Amino acid sequence: MTKTILLVEDEFLITIDLQMLLERRGWTVIGPAATVREALSLLDDSLPSVALLHVH
């Protein structure tokens, strides 16, 4: 089973850092998405194992 994660973060540098960290640990990153609208659009195509959201 592939480990997939939806990454939702609006800060570009944090997003890139998190994506690289997760991919080095074997996760397949869906996204990243900077907005809720983008995240919902990504969910239309695939369902991740988990989601990492920055909620502010």
Protein backbone atom coordinates (compact mmCIF):
# COMPACT_ATOMS: atom_id res chain seq x y z
CA MET A 1 0.00 0.00 0.00
CA THR A 2 1.35 3.41 -0.99
CA LYS A 3 1.54 6.00 1.77
CA THR A 4 -0.10 9.14 0.38
CA ILE A 5 -0.48 12.49 2.08
CA LEU A 6 -2.39 15.61 1.07
CA LEU A 7 -0.28 18.66 1.91
CA VAL A 8 -2.13 21.95 2.39
CA GLU A 9 0.10 24.91 3.28
CA ASP A 10 0.06 28.51 2.07
CA GLU A 11 3.71 29.37 2.84
CA PHE A 12 5.85 28.38 -0.17
CA LEU A 13 9.13 27.70 1.65
CA ILE A 14 7.45 25.64 4.36
CA THR A 15 5.61 23.69 1.68
CA ILE A 16 8.79 22.80 -0.21
CA ASP A 17 10.58 21.82 3.00
CA LEU A 18 7.69 19.61 4.17
CA GLN A 19 7.32 18.00 0.75
CA MET A 20 11.02 17.09 0.57
CA LEU A 21 10.98 15.77 4.14
CA LEU A 22 7.91 13.61 3.53
CA GLU A 23 9.17 12.25 0.21
CA ARG A 24 12.52 11.28 1.79
CA ARG A 25 10.54 9.26 4.32
CA GLY A 26 8.64 7.36 1.63
CA TRP A 27 5.42 9.36 1.36
CA THR A 28 3.80 10.24 -1.94
CA VAL A 29 2.67 13.86 -1.66
CA ILE A 30 -0.63 14.85 -3.22
CA GLY A 31 -0.43 18.52 -4.01
CA PRO A 32 0.76 20.61 -2.40
CA ALA A 33 -2.24 22.90 -2.25
CA ALA A 34 -2.13 26.50 -1.06
CA THR A 35 -5.89 26.92 -0.58
CA VAL A 36 -8.90 24.90 0.52
CA ARG A 37 -10.30 25.17 -3.00
CA GLU A 38 -7.13 23.63 -4.45
CA ALA A 39 -7.17 20.87 -1.81
CA LEU A 40 -10.78 19.97 -2.57
CA SER A 41 -9.98 19.84 -6.26
CA LEU A 42 -7.12 17.42 -5.57
CA LEU A 43 -9.48 15.23 -3.53
CA ASP A 44 -11.67 14.83 -6.61
CA ASP A 45 -8.84 12.87 -8.24
CA SER A 46 -7.46 10.81 -5.36
CA LEU A 47 -8.01 9.98 -1.70
CA PRO A 48 -4.87 10.28 0.48
CA SER A 49 -4.04 8.06 3.45
CA VAL A 50 -3.67 11.19 5.63
CA ALA A 51 -3.72 14.97 5.29
CA LEU A 52 -1.41 17.61 6.72
CA LEU A 53 -3.16 20.97 6.95
CA HIS A 54 -1.97 24.36 8.10
CA VAL A 55 -5.03 25.92 9.70
CA HIS A 56 -4.86 29.57 10.62
